[in-house]
């Protein structure tokens, strides 16, 4: 069996390294970060922090070099989903299934334009690049996956992929309805990422500081109200995820803060923007999510047109 990791940044590298180290499947990684891919080819993919090991796997920045794969795991930034799946769709056939473990909502719809079977997923493990070929493993956690409803993905494909990933060392739970898990993570991300990005506080500091901690709680309440109106039963409490992240060892910077520090486009449209848009459709007020979306978009604009 062959699995392709599409997007071998921090999170994608966690999946790629664990799957390759376990040796149960053949692992390919695809990413446009050429220095990272070249370092993996020369020295292997190293994780350090919550786990410390080096794994050997196939890695390329050329989609033409990718072989047919039984499963795909898309781990790119949400803003890159369309280009990534367009470049790699040819490696999946009518028997393949592609799973998103990305932030936000809306990725599965894009993937489904190009492949037959899509799996909805969300993951809590987090990391950060230390150097090409070396990823810091900041936070351990579970992954939840389930069929993306419009594609009628057979549940046995979900079970098979979940079992493979779990045996590799990353606990993955198959759910017949994964919307609740995805929205819980969405609400968590929308309540923590922009707060950290705008204040430059790492996750633990932003959670423990009274004003920003309260802001996160208020953002969670807005997201919960939208999910309730949608009829989605949340999978756990986003507040517990916030505390879990805050209590993790080290000073983990939210992915949006990492983007802001590098002056890269963020995923705010797929986080706060998504909650805001659903709220507008449903008549649920989301003024805080709207305000943070506006502020992050303004910050992004300042890098392009500071005048």
C-alpha atoms as a PDB file:
ATOM      1  CA  UNK A   1       0.000   0.000   0.000  1.00  0.00           C
ATOM      2  CA  UNK A   2       1.166   3.515  -0.793  1.00  0.00           C
ATOM      3  CA  UNK A   3       0.271   6.803   0.940  1.00  0.00           C
ATOM      4  CA  UNK A   4       1.142  10.266  -0.353  1.00  0.00           C
ATOM      5  CA  UNK A   5       1.448  13.219   2.015  1.00  0.00           C
ATOM      6  CA  UNK A   6       0.520  16.345   0.071  1.00  0.00           C
ATOM      7  CA  UNK A   7       2.079  19.271   1.862  1.00  0.00           C
ATOM      8  CA  UNK A   8       5.077  18.215   3.935  1.00  0.00           C
ATOM      9  CA  UNK A   9       5.296  21.245   6.194  1.00  0.00           C
ATOM     10  CA  UNK A  10       5.054  20.916   9.959  1.00  0.00           C
ATOM     11  CA  UNK A  11       1.864  18.838  10.270  1.00  0.00           C
ATOM     12  CA  UNK A  12       2.391  16.883   7.058  1.00  0.00           C
ATOM     13  CA  UNK A  13       5.885  15.977   8.218  1.00  0.00           C
ATOM     14  CA  UNK A  14       4.504  14.563  11.480  1.00  0.00           C
ATOM     15  CA  UNK A  15       2.295  12.159   9.519  1.00  0.00           C
ATOM     16  CA  UNK A  16       4.979  11.360   6.956  1.00  0.00           C
ATOM     17  CA  UNK A  17       7.670  10.632   9.547  1.00  0.00           C
ATOM     18  CA  UNK A  18       5.476   8.397  11.716  1.00  0.00           C
ATOM     19  CA  UNK A  19       4.098   6.423   8.766  1.00  0.00           C
ATOM     20  CA  UNK A  20       7.557   5.972   7.264  1.00  0.00           C
ATOM     21  CA  UNK A  21       9.134   4.944  10.566  1.00  0.00           C
ATOM     22  CA  UNK A  22       6.432   2.306  11.114  1.00  0.00           C
ATOM     23  CA  UNK A  23       7.265   0.777   7.742  1.00  0.00           C
ATOM     24  CA  UNK A  24       3.803  -0.666   7.123  1.00  0.00           C
ATOM     25  CA  UNK A  25       3.198   1.362   3.958  1.00  0.00           C
ATOM     26  CA  UNK A  26       5.290   3.031   1.280  1.00  0.00           C
ATOM     27  CA  UNK A  27       5.322   6.770   1.967  1.00  0.00           C
ATOM     28  CA  UNK A  28       5.739   9.586  -0.516  1.00  0.00           C
ATOM     29  CA  UNK A  29       5.825  13.270   0.410  1.00  0.00           C
ATOM     30  CA  UNK A  30       5.135  16.135  -1.978  1.00  0.00           C
ATOM     31  CA  UNK A  31       5.951  19.753  -1.196  1.00  0.00           C
ATOM     32  CA  UNK A  32       7.175  22.831  -3.049  1.00  0.00           C
ATOM     33  CA  UNK A  33       9.654  23.630  -0.246  1.00  0.00           C
ATOM     34  CA  UNK A  34      12.594  22.293  -2.226  1.00  0.00           C
ATOM     35  CA  UNK A  35      15.237  22.710   0.491  1.00  0.00           C
ATOM     36  CA  UNK A  36      13.112  20.602   2.841  1.00  0.00           C
ATOM     37  CA  UNK A  37      12.500  17.926   0.220  1.00  0.00           C
ATOM     38  CA  UNK A  38      16.187  17.792  -0.715  1.00  0.00           C
ATOM     39  CA  UNK A  39      17.233  17.505   2.930  1.00  0.00           C
ATOM     40  CA  UNK A  40      14.762  14.636   3.445  1.00  0.00           C
ATOM     41  CA  UNK A  41      16.245  12.886   0.429  1.00  0.00           C
ATOM     42  CA  UNK A  42      19.793  13.273   1.729  1.00  0.00           C
ATOM     43  CA  UNK A  43      19.427  12.725   5.463  1.00  0.00           C
ATOM     44  CA  UNK A  44      15.852  11.594   6.145  1.00  0.00           C
ATOM     45  CA  UNK A  45      13.089  13.477   7.950  1.00  0.00           C
ATOM     46  CA  UNK A  46      13.888  14.326  11.564  1.00  0.00           C
ATOM     47  CA  UNK A  47      11.374  15.054  14.309  1.00  0.00           C
ATOM     48  CA  UNK A  48      12.450  16.410  17.696  1.00  0.00           C
ATOM     49  CA  UNK A  49      10.529  17.457  20.779  1.00  0.00           C
ATOM     50  CA  UNK A  50       7.510  15.340  21.668  1.00  0.00           C
ATOM     51  CA  UNK A  51       9.264  12.541  19.731  1.00  0.00           C
ATOM     52  CA  UNK A  52      12.814  12.350  18.450  1.00  0.00           C
ATOM     53  CA  UNK A  53      13.703  10.153  15.487  1.00  0.00           C
ATOM     54  CA  UNK A  54      14.706  10.176  11.823  1.00  0.00           C
ATOM     55  CA  UNK A  55      12.567   8.480   9.176  1.00  0.00           C
ATOM     56  CA  UNK A  56      13.423   7.593   5.597  1.00  0.00           C
ATOM     57  CA  UNK A  57      10.818   8.158   2.884  1.00  0.00           C
ATOM     58  CA  UNK A  58      10.379   9.174  -0.745  1.00  0.00           C
ATOM     59  CA  UNK A  59      10.100  12.947  -1.198  1.00  0.00           C
ATOM     60  CA  UNK A  60       9.726  15.132  -4.266  1.00  0.00           C
ATOM     61  CA  UNK A  61       8.799  18.622  -5.422  1.00  0.00           C
ATOM     62  CA  UNK A  62       7.798  17.324  -8.854  1.00  0.00           C
ATOM     63  CA  UNK A  63       4.233  15.987  -9.144  1.00  0.00           C
ATOM     64  CA  UNK A  64       5.276  14.028 -12.245  1.00  0.00           C
ATOM     65  CA  UNK A  65       7.518  11.841 -10.051  1.00  0.00           C
ATOM     66  CA  UNK A  66       4.667  10.747  -7.787  1.00  0.00           C
ATOM     67  CA  UNK A  67       3.338   7.194  -8.301  1.00  0.00           C
ATOM     68  CA  UNK A  68      -0.268   6.091  -7.965  1.00  0.00           C
ATOM     69  CA  UNK A  69      -1.333   6.132  -4.299  1.00  0.00           C
ATOM     70  CA  UNK A  70      -4.031   4.293  -2.385  1.00  0.00           C
ATOM     71  CA  UNK A  71      -4.465   7.153   0.051  1.00  0.00           C
ATOM     72  CA  UNK A  72      -3.609  10.805   0.105  1.00  0.00           C
ATOM     73  CA  UNK A  73      -3.291  12.991   3.189  1.00  0.00           C
ATOM     74  CA  UNK A  74      -3.586  16.681   2.363  1.00  0.00           C
ATOM     75  CA  UNK A  75      -1.789  18.809   4.956  1.00  0.00           C
ATOM     76  CA  UNK A  76      -1.162  22.052   3.081  1.00  0.00           C
ATOM     77  CA  UNK A  77      -2.293  25.455   4.270  1.00  0.00           C
ATOM     78  CA  UNK A  78      -5.937  25.859   3.296  1.00  0.00           C
ATOM     79  CA  UNK A  79      -5.024  28.671   0.913  1.00  0.00           C
ATOM     80  CA  UNK A  80      -2.986  26.167  -1.126  1.00  0.00           C
ATOM     81  CA  UNK A  81      -5.541  23.328  -1.283  1.00  0.00           C
ATOM     82  CA  UNK A  82      -6.742  24.004  -4.807  1.00  0.00           C
ATOM     83  CA  UNK A  83      -3.296  24.233  -6.384  1.00  0.00           C
ATOM     84  CA  UNK A  84      -1.986  21.224  -4.419  1.00  0.00           C
ATOM     85  CA  UNK A  85      -4.798  18.842  -5.360  1.00  0.00           C
ATOM     86  CA  UNK A  86      -4.824  20.060  -8.951  1.00  0.00           C
ATOM     87  CA  UNK A  87      -1.122  19.198  -9.234  1.00  0.00           C
ATOM     88  CA  UNK A  88      -1.488  15.737  -7.664  1.00  0.00           C
ATOM     89  CA  UNK A  89      -4.961  14.524  -8.680  1.00  0.00           C
ATOM     90  CA  UNK A  90      -3.492  12.274 -11.389  1.00  0.00           C
ATOM     91  CA  UNK A  91      -1.984   9.912  -8.767  1.00  0.00           C
ATOM     92  CA  UNK A  92      -5.431   8.937  -7.441  1.00  0.00           C
ATOM     93  CA  UNK A  93      -7.855   6.628  -9.252  1.00  0.00           C
ATOM     94  CA  UNK A  94     -11.410   5.402  -8.627  1.00  0.00           C
ATOM     95  CA  UNK A  95     -10.187   3.204  -5.740  1.00  0.00           C
ATOM     96  CA  UNK A  96      -8.145   5.873  -3.946  1.00  0.00           C
ATOM     97  CA  UNK A  97      -9.302   8.043  -1.051  1.00  0.00           C
ATOM     98  CA  UNK A  98      -7.911  11.439  -0.073  1.00  0.00           C
ATOM     99  CA  UNK A  99      -8.096  12.758   3.479  1.00  0.00           C
ATOM    100  CA  UNK A 100      -7.791  16.393   4.561  1.00  0.00           C
ATOM    101  CA  UNK A 101      -6.208  17.059   7.969  1.00  0.00           C
ATOM    102  CA  UNK A 102      -6.136  20.801   7.378  1.00  0.00           C
ATOM    103  CA  UNK A 103      -7.271  23.769   9.389  1.00  0.00           C
ATOM    104  CA  UNK A 104     -10.672  25.328   8.842  1.00  0.00           C
ATOM    105  CA  UNK A 105     -13.571  24.202   6.694  1.00  0.00           C
ATOM    106  CA  UNK A 106     -14.046  24.125   2.932  1.00  0.00           C
ATOM    107  CA  UNK A 107     -11.024  22.042   1.956  1.00  0.00           C
ATOM    108  CA  UNK A 108     -12.946  18.824   1.335  1.00  0.00           C
ATOM    109  CA  UNK A 109     -15.219  20.546  -1.176  1.00  0.00           C
ATOM    110  CA  UNK A 110     -12.174  21.621  -3.199  1.00  0.00           C
ATOM    111  CA  UNK A 111     -10.554  18.170  -3.052  1.00  0.00           C
ATOM    112  CA  UNK A 112     -13.825  16.532  -4.146  1.00  0.00           C
ATOM    113  CA  UNK A 113     -13.678  18.441  -7.427  1.00  0.00           C
ATOM    114  CA  UNK A 114     -10.682  16.289  -8.398  1.00  0.00           C
ATOM    115  CA  UNK A 115     -10.965  12.878  -6.679  1.00  0.00           C
ATOM    116  CA  UNK A 116     -13.756  10.350  -6.195  1.00  0.00           C
ATOM    117  CA  UNK A 117     -13.506   9.562  -2.488  1.00  0.00           C
ATOM    118  CA  UNK A 118     -12.775  12.224   0.122  1.00  0.00           C
ATOM    119  CA  UNK A 119     -12.311  11.823   3.879  1.00  0.00           C
ATOM    120  CA  UNK A 120     -13.077  14.684   6.251  1.00  0.00           C
ATOM    121  CA  UNK A 121     -10.446  15.083   8.940  1.00  0.00           C
ATOM    122  CA  UNK A 122      -9.052  17.255  11.671  1.00  0.00           C
ATOM    123  CA  UNK A 123      -5.882  16.872  13.695  1.00  0.00           C
ATOM    124  CA  UNK A 124      -4.531  18.331  16.908  1.00  0.00           C
ATOM    125  CA  UNK A 125      -0.776  17.516  16.710  1.00  0.00           C
ATOM    126  CA  UNK A 126       1.297  20.606  15.943  1.00  0.00           C
ATOM    127  CA  UNK A 127       4.869  21.496  15.143  1.00  0.00           C
ATOM    128  CA  UNK A 128       7.148  24.028  13.508  1.00  0.00           C
ATOM    129  CA  UNK A 129      10.054  23.943  11.054  1.00  0.00           C
ATOM    130  CA  UNK A 130      13.483  24.096  12.680  1.00  0.00           C
ATOM    131  CA  UNK A 131      15.505  23.662   9.501  1.00  0.00           C
ATOM    132  CA  UNK A 132      15.061  21.909   6.152  1.00  0.00           C
ATOM    133  CA  UNK A 133      14.513  18.235   6.933  1.00  0.00           C
ATOM    134  CA  UNK A 134      13.952  18.934  10.640  1.00  0.00           C
ATOM    135  CA  UNK A 135      10.561  19.591  12.267  1.00  0.00           C
ATOM    136  CA  UNK A 136       9.946  20.457  15.903  1.00  0.00           C
ATOM    137  CA  UNK A 137       7.126  18.294  17.314  1.00  0.00           C
ATOM    138  CA  UNK A 138       5.385  20.671  19.723  1.00  0.00           C
ATOM    139  CA  UNK A 139       2.060  19.109  20.685  1.00  0.00           C
ATOM    140  CA  UNK A 140       0.833  15.532  20.580  1.00  0.00           C
ATOM    141  CA  UNK A 141      -2.864  14.826  20.124  1.00  0.00           C
ATOM    142  CA  UNK A 142      -5.566  12.845  18.379  1.00  0.00           C
ATOM    143  CA  UNK A 143      -6.790  12.938  14.797  1.00  0.00           C
ATOM    144  CA  UNK A 144     -10.422  12.356  13.821  1.00  0.00           C
ATOM    145  CA  UNK A 145     -11.517  11.314  10.336  1.00  0.00           C
ATOM    146  CA  UNK A 146     -14.796  10.386   8.694  1.00  0.00           C
ATOM    147  CA  UNK A 147     -16.466  10.173   5.276  1.00  0.00           C
ATOM    148  CA  UNK A 148     -17.006  13.451   3.437  1.00  0.00           C
ATOM    149  CA  UNK A 149     -20.735  13.058   2.966  1.00  0.00           C
ATOM    150  CA  UNK A 150     -21.200  14.239  -0.658  1.00  0.00           C
ATOM    151  CA  UNK A 151     -18.651  11.706  -1.984  1.00  0.00           C
ATOM    152  CA  UNK A 152     -20.244   8.659  -0.295  1.00  0.00           C
ATOM    153  CA  UNK A 153     -16.831   7.441   0.808  1.00  0.00           C
ATOM    154  CA  UNK A 154     -17.123   3.862   2.131  1.00  0.00           C
ATOM    155  CA  UNK A 155     -16.617   3.799   5.883  1.00  0.00           C
ATOM    156  CA  UNK A 156     -14.244   0.833   5.632  1.00  0.00           C
ATOM    157  CA  UNK A 157     -11.779   3.165   3.864  1.00  0.00           C
ATOM    158  CA  UNK A 158     -11.947   5.500   6.867  1.00  0.00           C
ATOM    159  CA  UNK A 159     -11.389   2.594   9.253  1.00  0.00           C
ATOM    160  CA  UNK A 160      -8.434   1.266   7.268  1.00  0.00           C
ATOM    161  CA  UNK A 161      -6.652   4.630   7.105  1.00  0.00           C
ATOM    162  CA  UNK A 162      -7.339   5.369  10.779  1.00  0.00           C
ATOM    163  CA  UNK A 163      -5.880   2.008  11.788  1.00  0.00           C
ATOM    164  CA  UNK A 164      -2.723   2.502   9.705  1.00  0.00           C
ATOM    165  CA  UNK A 165      -2.067   5.972  11.128  1.00  0.00           C
ATOM    166  CA  UNK A 166      -2.766   4.799  14.683  1.00  0.00           C
ATOM    167  CA  UNK A 167      -0.354   1.880  14.374  1.00  0.00           C
ATOM    168  CA  UNK A 168       2.299   4.352  13.212  1.00  0.00           C
ATOM    169  CA  UNK A 169       2.070   6.176  16.536  1.00  0.00           C
ATOM    170  CA  UNK A 170      -0.452   8.954  15.861  1.00  0.00           C
ATOM    171  CA  UNK A 171      -3.778   8.033  17.437  1.00  0.00           C
ATOM    172  CA  UNK A 172      -6.554   8.413  14.865  1.00  0.00           C
ATOM    173  CA  UNK A 173     -10.257   7.857  15.491  1.00  0.00           C
ATOM    174  CA  UNK A 174     -12.704   6.989  12.733  1.00  0.00           C
ATOM    175  CA  UNK A 175     -16.112   8.643  13.000  1.00  0.00           C
ATOM    176  CA  UNK A 176     -19.168   8.104  10.841  1.00  0.00           C
ATOM    177  CA  UNK A 177     -19.865  11.825  11.190  1.00  0.00           C
ATOM    178  CA  UNK A 178     -16.675  13.862  11.592  1.00  0.00           C
ATOM    179  CA  UNK A 179     -18.300  17.288  11.291  1.00  0.00           C
ATOM    180  CA  UNK A 180     -18.425  17.729  15.062  1.00  0.00           C
ATOM    181  CA  UNK A 181     -14.707  17.074  15.461  1.00  0.00           C
ATOM    182  CA  UNK A 182     -13.880  19.371  12.558  1.00  0.00           C
ATOM    183  CA  UNK A 183     -16.001  22.219  13.913  1.00  0.00           C
ATOM    184  CA  UNK A 184     -14.571  21.824  17.407  1.00  0.00           C
ATOM    185  CA  UNK A 185     -11.068  22.274  15.970  1.00  0.00           C
ATOM    186  CA  UNK A 186     -12.307  25.124  13.750  1.00  0.00           C
ATOM    187  CA  UNK A 187     -13.698  26.953  16.779  1.00  0.00           C
ATOM    188  CA  UNK A 188     -10.469  26.317  18.706  1.00  0.00           C
ATOM    189  CA  UNK A 189      -8.373  27.654  15.817  1.00  0.00           C
ATOM    190  CA  UNK A 190     -10.554  30.706  15.283  1.00  0.00           C
ATOM    191  CA  UNK A 191     -10.351  31.504  19.004  1.00  0.00           C
ATOM    192  CA  UNK A 192      -6.579  31.160  19.346  1.00  0.00           C
ATOM    193  CA  UNK A 193      -4.803  31.720  16.025  1.00  0.00           C
ATOM    194  CA  UNK A 194      -5.728  35.353  15.315  1.00  0.00           C
ATOM    195  CA  UNK A 195      -5.315  36.322  18.983  1.00  0.00           C
ATOM    196  CA  UNK A 196      -1.758  35.012  18.967  1.00  0.00           C
ATOM    197  CA  UNK A 197      -1.062  36.473  15.535  1.00  0.00           C
ATOM    198  CA  UNK A 198      -2.176  39.980  16.517  1.00  0.00           C
ATOM    199  CA  UNK A 199      -0.569  40.064  19.969  1.00  0.00           C
ATOM    200  CA  UNK A 200       2.592  38.062  19.087  1.00  0.00           C
ATOM    201  CA  UNK A 201       1.924  35.930  22.188  1.00  0.00           C
ATOM    202  CA  UNK A 202       2.648  32.215  22.088  1.00  0.00           C
ATOM    203  CA  UNK A 203      -0.306  29.951  22.813  1.00  0.00           C
ATOM    204  CA  UNK A 204       0.260  29.491  26.541  1.00  0.00           C
ATOM    205  CA  UNK A 205       0.908  33.178  27.178  1.00  0.00           C
ATOM    206  CA  UNK A 206      -2.205  34.272  25.254  1.00  0.00           C
ATOM    207  CA  UNK A 207      -4.333  31.781  27.192  1.00  0.00           C
ATOM    208  CA  UNK A 208      -3.033  32.758  30.639  1.00  0.00           C
ATOM    209  CA  UNK A 209      -3.204  36.544  30.124  1.00  0.00           C
ATOM    210  CA  UNK A 210      -6.639  37.659  31.331  1.00  0.00           C
ATOM    211  CA  UNK A 211      -7.783  39.953  28.487  1.00  0.00           C
ATOM    212  CA  UNK A 212      -6.692  37.652  25.654  1.00  0.00           C
ATOM    213  CA  UNK A 213      -7.871  34.545  27.481  1.00  0.00           C
ATOM    214  CA  UNK A 214     -11.332  36.093  27.827  1.00  0.00           C
ATOM    215  CA  UNK A 215     -11.322  37.090  24.158  1.00  0.00           C
ATOM    216  CA  UNK A 216     -10.661  33.471  23.189  1.00  0.00           C
ATOM    217  CA  UNK A 217     -13.561  32.303  25.351  1.00  0.00           C
ATOM    218  CA  UNK A 218     -15.881  34.864  23.768  1.00  0.00           C
ATOM    219  CA  UNK A 219     -14.815  33.784  20.283  1.00  0.00           C
ATOM    220  CA  UNK A 220     -15.539  30.176  21.222  1.00  0.00           C
ATOM    221  CA  UNK A 221     -19.053  31.130  22.304  1.00  0.00           C
ATOM    222  CA  UNK A 222     -19.729  32.701  18.896  1.00  0.00           C
ATOM    223  CA  UNK A 223     -18.484  29.606  17.071  1.00  0.00           C
ATOM    224  CA  UNK A 224     -20.558  27.320  19.270  1.00  0.00           C
ATOM    225  CA  UNK A 225     -23.677  29.344  18.490  1.00  0.00           C
ATOM    226  CA  UNK A 226     -23.088  28.925  14.750  1.00  0.00           C
ATOM    227  CA  UNK A 227     -22.437  25.176  15.083  1.00  0.00           C
ATOM    228  CA  UNK A 228     -25.631  24.773  17.117  1.00  0.00           C
ATOM    229  CA  UNK A 229     -27.647  26.558  14.449  1.00  0.00           C
ATOM    230  CA  UNK A 230     -26.124  24.252  11.831  1.00  0.00           C
ATOM    231  CA  UNK A 231     -27.252  21.245  13.875  1.00  0.00           C
ATOM    232  CA  UNK A 232     -23.690  20.052  14.431  1.00  0.00           C
ATOM    233  CA  UNK A 233     -23.000  18.272  17.719  1.00  0.00           C
ATOM    234  CA  UNK A 234     -19.492  19.294  18.749  1.00  0.00           C
ATOM    235  CA  UNK A 235     -16.931  16.626  19.569  1.00  0.00           C
ATOM    236  CA  UNK A 236     -15.702  17.805  22.955  1.00  0.00           C
ATOM    237  CA  UNK A 237     -15.129  21.327  24.253  1.00  0.00           C
ATOM    238  CA  UNK A 238     -12.885  23.779  22.419  1.00  0.00           C
ATOM    239  CA  UNK A 239     -11.999  25.333  25.800  1.00  0.00           C
ATOM    240  CA  UNK A 240     -10.367  22.070  26.839  1.00  0.00           C
ATOM    241  CA  UNK A 241      -8.308  22.101  23.646  1.00  0.00           C
ATOM    242  CA  UNK A 242      -7.186  25.635  24.470  1.00  0.00           C
ATOM    243  CA  UNK A 243      -6.045  24.547  27.925  1.00  0.00           C
ATOM    244  CA  UNK A 244      -4.358  21.435  26.580  1.00  0.00           C
ATOM    245  CA  UNK A 245      -2.370  23.526  24.138  1.00  0.00           C
ATOM    246  CA  UNK A 246      -1.487  26.048  26.833  1.00  0.00           C
ATOM    247  CA  UNK A 247      -0.197  23.312  29.129  1.00  0.00           C
ATOM    248  CA  UNK A 248       1.988  21.685  26.469  1.00  0.00           C
ATOM    249  CA  UNK A 249       5.740  21.859  26.960  1.00  0.00           C
ATOM    250  CA  UNK A 250       7.559  24.708  25.268  1.00  0.00           C
ATOM    251  CA  UNK A 251       6.243  27.931  23.792  1.00  0.00           C
ATOM    252  CA  UNK A 252       4.203  26.822  20.798  1.00  0.00           C
ATOM    253  CA  UNK A 253       3.390  29.610  18.362  1.00  0.00           C
ATOM    254  CA  UNK A 254       0.057  29.230  16.598  1.00  0.00           C
ATOM    255  CA  UNK A 255       0.371  28.622  12.864  1.00  0.00           C
ATOM    256  CA  UNK A 256      -1.135  32.026  12.110  1.00  0.00           C
ATOM    257  CA  UNK A 257       1.477  33.716  14.300  1.00  0.00           C
ATOM    258  CA  UNK A 258       4.172  31.823  12.398  1.00  0.00           C
ATOM    259  CA  UNK A 259       2.637  33.124   9.154  1.00  0.00           C
ATOM    260  CA  UNK A 260       2.459  36.702  10.430  1.00  0.00           C
ATOM    261  CA  UNK A 261       6.078  36.669  11.567  1.00  0.00           C
ATOM    262  CA  UNK A 262       7.068  35.471   8.085  1.00  0.00           C
ATOM    263  CA  UNK A 263       4.639  37.930   6.430  1.00  0.00           C
ATOM    264  CA  UNK A 264       2.802  35.097   4.664  1.00  0.00           C
ATOM    265  CA  UNK A 265      -0.871  34.998   3.777  1.00  0.00           C
ATOM    266  CA  UNK A 266      -2.804  33.378   6.635  1.00  0.00           C
ATOM    267  CA  UNK A 267      -5.685  30.894   6.778  1.00  0.00           C
ATOM    268  CA  UNK A 268      -8.041  33.406   8.416  1.00  0.00           C
ATOM    269  CA  UNK A 269     -10.581  33.099   5.569  1.00  0.00           C
ATOM    270  CA  UNK A 270     -10.982  29.395   6.379  1.00  0.00           C
ATOM    271  CA  UNK A 271     -11.203  30.048  10.149  1.00  0.00           C
ATOM    272  CA  UNK A 272     -12.832  33.256  11.405  1.00  0.00           C
ATOM    273  CA  UNK A 273     -13.991  34.087   7.888  1.00  0.00           C
ATOM    274  CA  UNK A 274     -15.780  30.749   7.615  1.00  0.00           C
ATOM    275  CA  UNK A 275     -17.550  31.185  10.967  1.00  0.00           C
ATOM    276  CA  UNK A 276     -18.496  34.744  10.013  1.00  0.00           C
ATOM    277  CA  UNK A 277     -19.967  33.672   6.654  1.00  0.00           C
ATOM    278  CA  UNK A 278     -21.957  30.795   8.157  1.00  0.00           C
ATOM    279  CA  UNK A 279     -23.229  33.176  10.830  1.00  0.00           C
ATOM    280  CA  UNK A 280     -24.403  35.614   8.172  1.00  0.00           C
ATOM    281  CA  UNK A 281     -26.297  32.856   6.332  1.00  0.00           C
ATOM    282  CA  UNK A 282     -27.953  31.637   9.526  1.00  0.00           C
ATOM    283  CA  UNK A 283     -28.625  34.976  11.192  1.00  0.00           C
ATOM    284  CA  UNK A 284     -26.204  34.277  14.060  1.00  0.00           C
ATOM    285  CA  UNK A 285     -24.170  37.348  15.136  1.00  0.00           C
ATOM    286  CA  UNK A 286     -20.379  36.856  15.070  1.00  0.00           C
ATOM    287  CA  UNK A 287     -19.003  40.383  15.671  1.00  0.00           C
ATOM    288  CA  UNK A 288     -15.744  39.227  17.277  1.00  0.00           C
ATOM    289  CA  UNK A 289     -14.918  36.749  14.523  1.00  0.00           C
ATOM    290  CA  UNK A 290     -15.694  39.479  11.984  1.00  0.00           C
ATOM    291  CA  UNK A 291     -13.448  41.992  13.774  1.00  0.00           C
ATOM    292  CA  UNK A 292     -10.491  39.609  13.969  1.00  0.00           C
ATOM    293  CA  UNK A 293     -10.969  38.594  10.338  1.00  0.00           C
ATOM    294  CA  UNK A 294     -10.917  42.288   9.373  1.00  0.00           C
ATOM    295  CA  UNK A 295      -7.807  42.978  11.438  1.00  0.00           C
ATOM    296  CA  UNK A 296      -5.856  40.032  10.020  1.00  0.00           C
ATOM    297  CA  UNK A 297      -6.885  40.942   6.470  1.00  0.00           C
ATOM    298  CA  UNK A 298      -5.740  44.500   7.148  1.00  0.00           C
ATOM    299  CA  UNK A 299      -2.405  43.231   8.443  1.00  0.00           C
ATOM    300  CA  UNK A 300      -1.933  41.107   5.313  1.00  0.00           C
ATOM    301  CA  UNK A 301      -2.768  44.144   3.170  1.00  0.00           C
ATOM    302  CA  UNK A 302      -0.110  46.204   4.942  1.00  0.00           C
ATOM    303  CA  UNK A 303       2.607  43.870   3.647  1.00  0.00           C
ATOM    304  CA  UNK A 304       1.459  44.367   0.055  1.00  0.00           C
ATOM    305  CA  UNK A 305       0.508  48.068   0.168  1.00  0.00           C
ATOM    306  CA  UNK A 306       1.822  49.754   3.318  1.00  0.00           C
ATOM    307  CA  UNK A 307       0.949  53.185   1.891  1.00  0.00           C
END
